[in-house]
N, C-alpha and C. Protein backbone atom coordinates (compact mmCIF):
# COMPACT_ATOMS: atom_id res chain seq x y z
N MET A 1 111.77 127.93 151.88
CA MET A 1 112.59 128.94 151.25
C MET A 1 114.06 128.51 151.30
N THR A 2 114.77 128.75 150.20
CA THR A 2 116.18 128.40 150.19
C THR A 2 116.98 129.41 150.99
N GLN A 3 118.18 129.01 151.35
CA GLN A 3 119.03 129.89 152.14
C GLN A 3 119.64 130.96 151.25
N ALA A 4 119.64 132.19 151.71
CA ALA A 4 120.22 133.30 150.95
C ALA A 4 121.74 133.12 150.81
N ASN A 5 122.26 133.59 149.67
CA ASN A 5 123.70 133.55 149.44
C ASN A 5 124.12 134.96 149.02
N PRO A 6 124.34 135.85 150.00
CA PRO A 6 124.64 137.25 149.69
C PRO A 6 125.88 137.43 148.80
N LYS A 7 126.88 136.58 148.97
CA LYS A 7 128.09 136.71 148.15
C LYS A 7 127.78 136.41 146.68
N ALA A 8 126.97 135.40 146.45
CA ALA A 8 126.60 135.07 145.07
C ALA A 8 125.79 136.20 144.46
N LEU A 9 124.85 136.75 145.22
CA LEU A 9 124.05 137.86 144.71
C LEU A 9 124.92 139.08 144.44
N GLU A 10 125.84 139.38 145.32
CA GLU A 10 126.75 140.51 145.10
C GLU A 10 127.58 140.30 143.83
N PHE A 11 128.05 139.06 143.62
CA PHE A 11 128.78 138.77 142.38
C PHE A 11 127.91 139.06 141.16
N LEU A 12 126.68 138.58 141.17
CA LEU A 12 125.80 138.78 140.02
C LEU A 12 125.46 140.25 139.80
N LEU A 13 125.36 141.01 140.87
CA LEU A 13 125.03 142.43 140.77
C LEU A 13 126.21 143.27 140.27
N THR A 14 127.41 142.73 140.38
CA THR A 14 128.60 143.51 140.00
C THR A 14 129.42 142.86 138.89
N ARG A 15 128.98 141.72 138.37
CA ARG A 15 129.76 141.01 137.35
C ARG A 15 129.96 141.88 136.13
N ARG A 16 131.10 141.71 135.46
CA ARG A 16 131.42 142.45 134.25
C ARG A 16 132.18 141.54 133.31
N SER A 17 131.69 141.42 132.09
CA SER A 17 132.46 140.71 131.07
C SER A 17 133.73 141.49 130.81
N ARG A 18 134.76 140.78 130.41
CA ARG A 18 136.03 141.41 130.07
C ARG A 18 136.19 141.40 128.56
N PRO A 19 136.56 142.51 127.93
CA PRO A 19 136.71 142.50 126.47
C PRO A 19 137.66 141.38 126.04
N ALA A 20 137.24 140.60 125.06
CA ALA A 20 138.02 139.44 124.63
C ALA A 20 139.42 139.84 124.18
N LYS A 21 139.54 141.00 123.53
CA LYS A 21 140.86 141.41 123.03
C LYS A 21 141.84 141.74 124.14
N THR A 22 141.35 141.85 125.39
CA THR A 22 142.26 142.12 126.51
C THR A 22 142.65 140.85 127.27
N LEU A 23 142.13 139.70 126.85
CA LEU A 23 142.42 138.45 127.56
C LEU A 23 143.70 137.83 127.02
N THR A 24 144.58 137.45 127.93
CA THR A 24 145.88 136.88 127.55
C THR A 24 146.12 135.58 128.32
N PRO A 25 147.19 134.86 127.96
CA PRO A 25 147.59 133.73 128.79
C PRO A 25 148.06 134.24 130.15
N PRO A 26 148.06 133.41 131.17
CA PRO A 26 147.63 132.02 131.10
C PRO A 26 146.11 131.91 130.98
N VAL A 27 145.71 130.75 130.48
CA VAL A 27 144.29 130.39 130.38
C VAL A 27 144.08 129.15 131.24
N PRO A 28 142.86 128.85 131.60
CA PRO A 28 142.64 127.65 132.40
C PRO A 28 143.03 126.39 131.64
N ASP A 29 143.68 125.47 132.36
CA ASP A 29 143.97 124.17 131.76
C ASP A 29 142.75 123.28 131.94
N ALA A 30 142.85 122.04 131.50
CA ALA A 30 141.70 121.13 131.55
C ALA A 30 141.18 120.95 132.97
N VAL A 31 142.08 120.89 133.94
CA VAL A 31 141.66 120.71 135.34
C VAL A 31 140.91 121.94 135.83
N ASP A 32 141.42 123.14 135.51
CA ASP A 32 140.76 124.37 135.92
C ASP A 32 139.45 124.59 135.19
N LEU A 33 139.38 124.14 133.94
CA LEU A 33 138.21 124.37 133.12
C LEU A 33 137.05 123.44 133.48
N ARG A 34 137.37 122.26 133.99
CA ARG A 34 136.31 121.28 134.25
C ARG A 34 135.20 121.79 135.18
N PRO A 35 135.50 122.40 136.34
CA PRO A 35 134.40 122.89 137.17
C PRO A 35 133.61 124.03 136.51
N ILE A 36 134.26 124.81 135.66
CA ILE A 36 133.58 125.88 134.93
C ILE A 36 132.59 125.26 133.94
N LEU A 37 133.02 124.24 133.22
CA LEU A 37 132.14 123.55 132.28
C LEU A 37 131.01 122.83 133.03
N THR A 38 131.33 122.26 134.18
CA THR A 38 130.32 121.57 134.99
C THR A 38 129.25 122.55 135.44
N ALA A 39 129.66 123.73 135.87
CA ALA A 39 128.69 124.75 136.29
C ALA A 39 127.80 125.15 135.11
N ALA A 40 128.38 125.29 133.93
CA ALA A 40 127.60 125.66 132.74
C ALA A 40 126.57 124.60 132.41
N ALA A 41 126.92 123.35 132.60
CA ALA A 41 126.01 122.25 132.27
C ALA A 41 124.87 122.10 133.27
N ARG A 42 124.88 122.87 134.35
CA ARG A 42 123.78 122.84 135.34
C ARG A 42 122.68 123.83 134.97
N THR A 43 122.67 124.26 133.75
CA THR A 43 121.68 125.20 133.23
C THR A 43 120.29 124.57 133.20
N PRO A 44 119.23 125.37 133.42
CA PRO A 44 117.88 124.82 133.26
C PRO A 44 117.71 124.15 131.90
N ASP A 45 117.14 122.98 131.92
CA ASP A 45 117.04 122.15 130.71
C ASP A 45 115.73 121.37 130.80
N HIS A 46 114.67 121.97 130.28
CA HIS A 46 113.35 121.31 130.34
C HIS A 46 113.41 119.97 129.61
N GLY A 47 112.92 118.96 130.24
CA GLY A 47 112.90 117.63 129.65
C GLY A 47 114.22 116.89 129.72
N LYS A 48 115.22 117.50 130.34
CA LYS A 48 116.55 116.87 130.46
C LYS A 48 117.05 116.39 129.10
N LEU A 49 116.91 117.24 128.09
CA LEU A 49 117.30 116.87 126.72
C LEU A 49 118.77 117.13 126.42
N GLU A 50 119.40 118.01 127.22
CA GLU A 50 120.76 118.45 126.91
C GLU A 50 120.85 118.89 125.45
N PRO A 51 120.10 119.93 125.08
CA PRO A 51 120.07 120.37 123.69
C PRO A 51 121.22 121.30 123.34
N TRP A 52 122.38 120.97 123.83
CA TRP A 52 123.58 121.76 123.60
C TRP A 52 124.79 120.88 123.87
N ARG A 53 125.90 121.31 123.35
CA ARG A 53 127.18 120.65 123.63
C ARG A 53 128.27 121.70 123.61
N LEU A 54 129.46 121.32 124.06
CA LEU A 54 130.56 122.26 124.19
C LEU A 54 131.75 121.80 123.36
N ILE A 55 132.42 122.75 122.73
CA ILE A 55 133.67 122.46 122.02
C ILE A 55 134.73 123.38 122.62
N VAL A 56 135.72 122.81 123.28
CA VAL A 56 136.81 123.60 123.85
C VAL A 56 137.83 123.85 122.73
N LEU A 57 138.02 125.12 122.43
CA LEU A 57 138.93 125.53 121.35
C LEU A 57 140.23 126.03 121.97
N GLU A 58 141.26 125.19 121.87
CA GLU A 58 142.56 125.60 122.36
C GLU A 58 143.30 126.36 121.27
N ARG A 59 144.45 126.89 121.58
CA ARG A 59 145.17 127.80 120.67
C ARG A 59 145.34 127.24 119.25
N PRO A 60 145.79 126.00 119.06
CA PRO A 60 145.93 125.52 117.68
C PRO A 60 144.61 125.50 116.91
N ALA A 61 143.52 125.15 117.57
CA ALA A 61 142.21 125.15 116.91
C ALA A 61 141.79 126.57 116.56
N LEU A 62 142.04 127.51 117.44
CA LEU A 62 141.71 128.91 117.18
C LEU A 62 142.53 129.46 116.02
N GLU A 63 143.79 129.08 115.94
CA GLU A 63 144.64 129.50 114.81
C GLU A 63 144.10 128.91 113.50
N ARG A 64 143.66 127.67 113.54
CA ARG A 64 143.08 127.03 112.34
C ARG A 64 141.83 127.76 111.90
N LEU A 65 140.96 128.12 112.86
CA LEU A 65 139.74 128.86 112.52
C LEU A 65 140.09 130.23 111.95
N ALA A 66 141.06 130.90 112.56
CA ALA A 66 141.47 132.22 112.07
C ALA A 66 141.97 132.12 110.63
N ALA A 67 142.72 131.07 110.33
CA ALA A 67 143.27 130.90 108.98
C ALA A 67 142.17 130.67 107.95
N ALA A 68 141.04 130.11 108.38
CA ALA A 68 139.94 129.84 107.45
C ALA A 68 139.05 131.05 107.19
N VAL A 69 139.14 132.05 108.04
CA VAL A 69 138.25 133.21 107.94
C VAL A 69 138.44 134.03 106.66
N PRO A 70 139.67 134.40 106.26
CA PRO A 70 139.80 135.28 105.10
C PRO A 70 139.20 134.72 103.82
N GLU A 71 139.45 133.44 103.53
CA GLU A 71 138.92 132.85 102.31
C GLU A 71 137.39 132.81 102.33
N ARG A 72 136.82 132.41 103.48
CA ARG A 72 135.37 132.33 103.56
C ARG A 72 134.74 133.72 103.52
N GLY A 73 135.36 134.68 104.20
CA GLY A 73 134.84 136.04 104.18
C GLY A 73 134.86 136.63 102.78
N ALA A 74 135.93 136.37 102.04
CA ALA A 74 136.02 136.86 100.66
C ALA A 74 134.95 136.21 99.79
N ALA A 75 134.73 134.90 99.98
CA ALA A 75 133.71 134.19 99.20
C ALA A 75 132.31 134.76 99.46
N LEU A 76 132.10 135.28 100.66
CA LEU A 76 130.81 135.87 101.02
C LEU A 76 130.72 137.34 100.62
N GLY A 77 131.83 137.90 100.13
CA GLY A 77 131.85 139.31 99.75
C GLY A 77 131.87 140.24 100.95
N MET A 78 132.40 139.75 102.07
CA MET A 78 132.47 140.56 103.29
C MET A 78 133.45 141.72 103.11
N ALA A 79 133.16 142.80 103.79
CA ALA A 79 134.08 143.95 103.81
C ALA A 79 135.37 143.54 104.52
N PRO A 80 136.51 144.04 104.06
CA PRO A 80 137.79 143.65 104.69
C PRO A 80 137.82 143.87 106.19
N GLU A 81 137.20 144.95 106.69
CA GLU A 81 137.24 145.19 108.14
C GLU A 81 136.45 144.14 108.92
N LYS A 82 135.38 143.60 108.33
CA LYS A 82 134.62 142.53 109.00
C LYS A 82 135.42 141.23 109.00
N ILE A 83 136.13 140.98 107.90
CA ILE A 83 136.99 139.80 107.84
C ILE A 83 138.10 139.92 108.88
N ASP A 84 138.72 141.09 108.94
CA ASP A 84 139.81 141.31 109.90
C ASP A 84 139.33 141.14 111.34
N LYS A 85 138.14 141.65 111.64
CA LYS A 85 137.61 141.54 113.01
C LYS A 85 137.36 140.08 113.38
N MET A 86 136.78 139.31 112.46
CA MET A 86 136.52 137.90 112.74
C MET A 86 137.83 137.13 112.85
N HIS A 87 138.78 137.45 111.97
CA HIS A 87 140.10 136.81 112.02
C HIS A 87 140.75 137.06 113.38
N ALA A 88 140.68 138.30 113.86
CA ALA A 88 141.30 138.65 115.14
C ALA A 88 140.60 137.96 116.31
N GLN A 89 139.27 137.79 116.21
CA GLN A 89 138.55 137.13 117.30
C GLN A 89 139.12 135.74 117.56
N PHE A 90 139.41 135.02 116.50
CA PHE A 90 140.01 133.69 116.66
C PHE A 90 141.53 133.78 116.81
N GLY A 91 142.15 134.59 115.97
CA GLY A 91 143.62 134.62 115.91
C GLY A 91 144.29 135.18 117.14
N ASN A 92 143.62 136.07 117.86
CA ASN A 92 144.22 136.65 119.07
C ASN A 92 143.83 135.90 120.34
N ALA A 93 142.94 134.93 120.21
CA ALA A 93 142.45 134.21 121.38
C ALA A 93 143.38 133.06 121.75
N HIS A 94 143.35 132.71 123.02
CA HIS A 94 144.15 131.59 123.51
C HIS A 94 143.29 130.44 124.03
N LEU A 95 142.02 130.73 124.32
CA LEU A 95 141.09 129.69 124.73
C LEU A 95 139.67 130.23 124.55
N ALA A 96 138.83 129.43 123.94
CA ALA A 96 137.41 129.77 123.84
C ALA A 96 136.62 128.46 123.90
N VAL A 97 135.41 128.56 124.39
CA VAL A 97 134.51 127.42 124.40
C VAL A 97 133.34 127.76 123.50
N ALA A 98 133.15 126.97 122.46
CA ALA A 98 132.00 127.14 121.59
C ALA A 98 130.83 126.40 122.22
N VAL A 99 129.76 127.14 122.49
CA VAL A 99 128.53 126.52 122.99
C VAL A 99 127.67 126.26 121.76
N ILE A 100 127.40 124.98 121.53
CA ILE A 100 126.67 124.56 120.34
C ILE A 100 125.24 124.20 120.73
N ALA A 101 124.28 124.91 120.15
CA ALA A 101 122.88 124.54 120.33
C ALA A 101 122.62 123.32 119.46
N ALA A 102 122.12 122.27 120.08
CA ALA A 102 121.88 121.01 119.39
C ALA A 102 120.47 120.53 119.73
N PRO A 103 119.45 121.19 119.16
CA PRO A 103 118.07 120.85 119.51
C PRO A 103 117.74 119.39 119.24
N LYS A 104 116.92 118.85 120.11
CA LYS A 104 116.49 117.45 119.99
C LYS A 104 114.99 117.42 119.63
N ALA A 105 114.60 116.39 118.91
CA ALA A 105 113.18 116.21 118.61
C ALA A 105 112.44 115.97 119.92
N SER A 106 111.37 116.73 120.15
CA SER A 106 110.62 116.57 121.38
C SER A 106 109.21 117.12 121.17
N GLU A 107 108.21 116.33 121.57
CA GLU A 107 106.84 116.80 121.52
C GLU A 107 106.51 117.68 122.71
N LYS A 108 107.29 117.55 123.78
CA LYS A 108 107.00 118.30 125.01
C LYS A 108 107.76 119.61 125.12
N VAL A 109 108.99 119.65 124.57
CA VAL A 109 109.83 120.83 124.75
C VAL A 109 110.06 121.49 123.40
N PRO A 110 109.44 122.66 123.18
CA PRO A 110 109.60 123.34 121.89
C PRO A 110 111.06 123.73 121.64
N GLN A 111 111.40 123.84 120.37
CA GLN A 111 112.78 124.18 120.01
C GLN A 111 113.21 125.51 120.60
N ILE A 112 112.31 126.48 120.71
CA ILE A 112 112.68 127.78 121.27
C ILE A 112 113.16 127.62 122.71
N GLU A 113 112.54 126.75 123.48
CA GLU A 113 112.99 126.53 124.86
C GLU A 113 114.37 125.89 124.88
N GLN A 114 114.62 125.01 123.93
CA GLN A 114 115.93 124.38 123.84
C GLN A 114 116.99 125.41 123.44
N THR A 115 116.63 126.32 122.54
CA THR A 115 117.55 127.38 122.13
C THR A 115 117.85 128.30 123.30
N LEU A 116 116.82 128.66 124.04
CA LEU A 116 117.04 129.51 125.21
C LEU A 116 117.92 128.81 126.24
N SER A 117 117.78 127.51 126.37
CA SER A 117 118.64 126.75 127.28
C SER A 117 120.10 126.84 126.84
N ALA A 118 120.35 126.79 125.54
CA ALA A 118 121.73 126.93 125.04
C ALA A 118 122.27 128.32 125.36
N GLY A 119 121.43 129.35 125.25
CA GLY A 119 121.85 130.69 125.64
C GLY A 119 122.17 130.77 127.12
N ALA A 120 121.38 130.06 127.92
CA ALA A 120 121.63 130.02 129.35
C ALA A 120 122.96 129.33 129.66
N VAL A 121 123.33 128.34 128.86
CA VAL A 121 124.65 127.70 129.03
C VAL A 121 125.74 128.74 128.81
N CYS A 122 125.56 129.58 127.78
CA CYS A 122 126.56 130.62 127.51
C CYS A 122 126.74 131.53 128.72
N LEU A 123 125.63 132.01 129.28
CA LEU A 123 125.73 132.91 130.43
C LEU A 123 126.28 132.19 131.65
N SER A 124 125.86 130.97 131.88
CA SER A 124 126.38 130.21 133.02
C SER A 124 127.88 129.97 132.88
N LEU A 125 128.32 129.67 131.67
CA LEU A 125 129.75 129.46 131.42
C LEU A 125 130.52 130.75 131.64
N LEU A 126 130.00 131.85 131.13
CA LEU A 126 130.63 133.15 131.31
C LEU A 126 130.74 133.48 132.79
N ASN A 127 129.64 133.36 133.52
CA ASN A 127 129.65 133.69 134.94
C ASN A 127 130.54 132.75 135.75
N ALA A 128 130.56 131.47 135.40
CA ALA A 128 131.42 130.53 136.12
C ALA A 128 132.89 130.87 135.91
N ALA A 129 133.25 131.25 134.69
CA ALA A 129 134.64 131.63 134.43
C ALA A 129 135.01 132.88 135.22
N LEU A 130 134.10 133.86 135.24
CA LEU A 130 134.37 135.07 136.01
C LEU A 130 134.46 134.76 137.51
N ALA A 131 133.55 133.93 138.00
CA ALA A 131 133.55 133.57 139.43
C ALA A 131 134.82 132.81 139.81
N ALA A 132 135.40 132.09 138.85
CA ALA A 132 136.63 131.34 139.11
C ALA A 132 137.86 132.24 139.03
N GLY A 133 137.66 133.53 138.71
CA GLY A 133 138.78 134.46 138.71
C GLY A 133 139.39 134.74 137.34
N TRP A 134 138.78 134.21 136.30
CA TRP A 134 139.26 134.45 134.94
C TRP A 134 138.52 135.62 134.33
N GLY A 135 139.11 136.20 133.30
CA GLY A 135 138.37 137.15 132.48
C GLY A 135 137.62 136.33 131.44
N ALA A 136 136.45 136.81 131.03
CA ALA A 136 135.67 136.05 130.04
C ALA A 136 134.75 136.99 129.28
N ASN A 137 134.41 136.57 128.05
CA ASN A 137 133.53 137.35 127.20
C ASN A 137 132.76 136.41 126.29
N TRP A 138 131.52 136.76 125.98
CA TRP A 138 130.64 135.99 125.11
C TRP A 138 130.56 136.72 123.77
N LEU A 139 131.03 136.07 122.71
CA LEU A 139 131.02 136.64 121.37
C LEU A 139 130.37 135.68 120.38
N SER A 140 130.02 136.21 119.23
CA SER A 140 129.59 135.36 118.11
C SER A 140 130.33 135.83 116.87
N GLY A 141 129.69 136.56 115.98
CA GLY A 141 130.34 137.03 114.76
C GLY A 141 129.80 136.30 113.54
N TRP A 142 130.04 136.88 112.37
CA TRP A 142 129.43 136.35 111.15
C TRP A 142 129.79 134.90 110.87
N ALA A 143 131.01 134.49 111.18
CA ALA A 143 131.41 133.11 110.90
C ALA A 143 130.58 132.11 111.70
N SER A 144 130.15 132.51 112.88
CA SER A 144 129.37 131.58 113.72
C SER A 144 128.00 131.30 113.13
N HIS A 145 127.54 132.15 112.21
CA HIS A 145 126.21 131.97 111.59
C HIS A 145 126.29 131.43 110.17
N ASP A 146 127.49 131.18 109.69
CA ASP A 146 127.68 130.72 108.31
C ASP A 146 127.82 129.20 108.28
N ARG A 147 126.83 128.52 107.67
CA ARG A 147 126.84 127.06 107.62
C ARG A 147 128.11 126.53 106.97
N ASN A 148 128.59 127.23 105.93
CA ASN A 148 129.78 126.77 105.22
C ASN A 148 131.07 127.02 105.99
N PHE A 149 130.96 127.66 107.14
CA PHE A 149 132.10 127.80 108.04
C PHE A 149 131.97 126.82 109.20
N VAL A 150 130.82 126.81 109.86
CA VAL A 150 130.70 126.02 111.09
C VAL A 150 130.63 124.52 110.85
N GLU A 151 130.05 124.10 109.74
CA GLU A 151 129.96 122.65 109.51
C GLU A 151 131.34 122.05 109.25
N PRO A 152 132.14 122.57 108.31
CA PRO A 152 133.44 121.94 108.09
C PRO A 152 134.48 122.26 109.17
N HIS A 153 134.43 123.45 109.75
CA HIS A 153 135.50 123.85 110.65
C HIS A 153 135.23 123.55 112.12
N LEU A 154 133.96 123.39 112.49
CA LEU A 154 133.63 123.03 113.87
C LEU A 154 132.95 121.67 113.96
N GLY A 155 132.64 121.08 112.81
CA GLY A 155 132.02 119.76 112.81
C GLY A 155 130.57 119.77 113.23
N LEU A 156 129.86 120.87 112.98
CA LEU A 156 128.45 120.94 113.36
C LEU A 156 127.59 120.14 112.40
N ALA A 157 126.58 119.50 112.96
CA ALA A 157 125.56 118.81 112.16
C ALA A 157 124.62 119.88 111.60
N PRO A 158 123.87 119.55 110.54
CA PRO A 158 122.99 120.55 109.92
C PRO A 158 121.98 121.20 110.86
N HIS A 159 121.53 120.49 111.90
CA HIS A 159 120.54 121.05 112.81
C HIS A 159 121.16 121.85 113.96
N GLU A 160 122.48 121.85 114.07
CA GLU A 160 123.16 122.53 115.16
C GLU A 160 123.57 123.94 114.75
N PHE A 161 123.77 124.80 115.75
CA PHE A 161 124.28 126.14 115.48
C PHE A 161 125.06 126.65 116.68
N VAL A 162 125.90 127.66 116.44
CA VAL A 162 126.71 128.24 117.51
C VAL A 162 125.85 129.22 118.30
N ALA A 163 125.71 128.96 119.59
CA ALA A 163 125.02 129.89 120.48
C ALA A 163 125.98 131.00 120.91
N GLY A 164 127.26 130.68 120.97
CA GLY A 164 128.25 131.69 121.33
C GLY A 164 129.61 131.09 121.55
N PHE A 165 130.61 131.94 121.44
CA PHE A 165 131.98 131.60 121.78
C PHE A 165 132.29 132.31 123.09
N ILE A 166 132.62 131.56 124.13
CA ILE A 166 132.99 132.15 125.41
C ILE A 166 134.51 132.15 125.48
N HIS A 167 135.09 133.33 125.37
CA HIS A 167 136.54 133.50 125.43
C HIS A 167 136.95 133.62 126.90
N ILE A 168 138.00 132.90 127.27
CA ILE A 168 138.43 132.87 128.67
C ILE A 168 139.94 133.06 128.71
N GLY A 169 140.39 133.89 129.64
CA GLY A 169 141.83 134.11 129.81
C GLY A 169 142.09 134.97 131.02
N THR A 170 143.29 135.51 131.05
CA THR A 170 143.70 136.39 132.14
C THR A 170 143.38 137.82 131.76
N GLN A 171 142.72 138.50 132.65
CA GLN A 171 142.36 139.90 132.42
C GLN A 171 143.60 140.77 132.52
N THR A 172 143.81 141.64 131.53
CA THR A 172 144.99 142.51 131.55
C THR A 172 144.66 143.94 131.93
N THR A 173 143.43 144.35 131.70
CA THR A 173 143.01 145.71 132.06
C THR A 173 141.61 145.64 132.65
N PRO A 174 141.29 146.60 133.52
CA PRO A 174 139.93 146.60 134.07
C PRO A 174 138.92 146.85 132.95
N PRO A 175 137.76 146.22 133.05
CA PRO A 175 136.76 146.43 132.01
C PRO A 175 136.20 147.84 132.08
N PRO A 176 135.89 148.42 130.93
CA PRO A 176 135.27 149.75 130.97
C PRO A 176 133.85 149.64 131.54
N GLU A 177 133.44 150.66 132.25
CA GLU A 177 132.08 150.67 132.77
C GLU A 177 131.15 151.03 131.61
N ARG A 178 129.94 150.58 131.70
CA ARG A 178 128.97 150.89 130.65
C ARG A 178 127.62 151.13 131.29
N PRO A 179 126.75 151.84 130.59
CA PRO A 179 125.42 152.10 131.16
C PRO A 179 124.66 150.79 131.36
N ARG A 180 123.87 150.74 132.39
CA ARG A 180 123.04 149.58 132.69
C ARG A 180 121.58 149.92 132.39
N PRO A 181 120.77 148.91 132.13
CA PRO A 181 119.36 149.18 131.82
C PRO A 181 118.66 149.92 132.96
N ASP A 182 117.71 150.77 132.59
CA ASP A 182 116.84 151.44 133.55
C ASP A 182 115.77 150.41 133.92
N LEU A 183 115.88 149.85 135.10
CA LEU A 183 114.98 148.77 135.53
C LEU A 183 113.51 149.19 135.46
N ASP A 184 113.23 150.43 135.82
CA ASP A 184 111.84 150.88 135.79
C ASP A 184 111.31 150.94 134.35
N ALA A 185 112.17 151.22 133.40
CA ALA A 185 111.73 151.33 132.00
C ALA A 185 111.46 149.97 131.37
N ILE A 186 112.06 148.91 131.91
CA ILE A 186 111.92 147.59 131.30
C ILE A 186 111.08 146.62 132.13
N THR A 187 110.54 147.09 133.24
CA THR A 187 109.80 146.20 134.15
C THR A 187 108.34 146.62 134.25
N THR A 188 107.47 145.66 134.09
CA THR A 188 106.04 145.85 134.31
C THR A 188 105.63 144.97 135.48
N TRP A 189 104.93 145.56 136.43
CA TRP A 189 104.43 144.80 137.59
C TRP A 189 102.95 144.53 137.36
N MET A 190 102.54 143.27 137.41
CA MET A 190 101.14 142.91 137.25
C MET A 190 100.65 142.28 138.55
N GLN A 191 99.55 142.78 139.06
CA GLN A 191 98.97 142.21 140.27
C GLN A 191 97.71 141.41 139.99
N ALA A 192 97.13 141.60 138.84
CA ALA A 192 95.92 140.85 138.52
C ALA A 192 95.86 140.61 137.02
């Protein structure tokens, strides 16, 4: 049996994402971000395929993405409020890490397991940032699912997709509390 880590369990039981719109500078620099990224890369990965990669989006890159949103949103016929929300997600951010699902051909590891591994990278990255004392939030949005946005603006290959944008910064306000799942309603115990 492994040794218990009560502090880690307490962190996981009380962790709270911070709304991205409340995150401000300072943000972690490359030195501060490296252990957070390293922790994220320790995600379960069947077959050791590394079916994901990371793109660190610093302020100039986020401004470039924000500038591209209105034209693409209009071309898609998006409602102005959806365009504005996506624009603000990039335009108001100071640091985000795009977790890119990059499935690999494998006879042993189905693509769904590789996709779930990319999602696990998102959560590990989010939790590592929070554990390091930063505010963080996991977002996506319509632009993250649009091939004509992600391929030219993030350099994604046709088989890749955005698993999430993890926004990281300094928390300015306490996160609002929210209802948590009823464990009994979502858990089935099987003995045989």
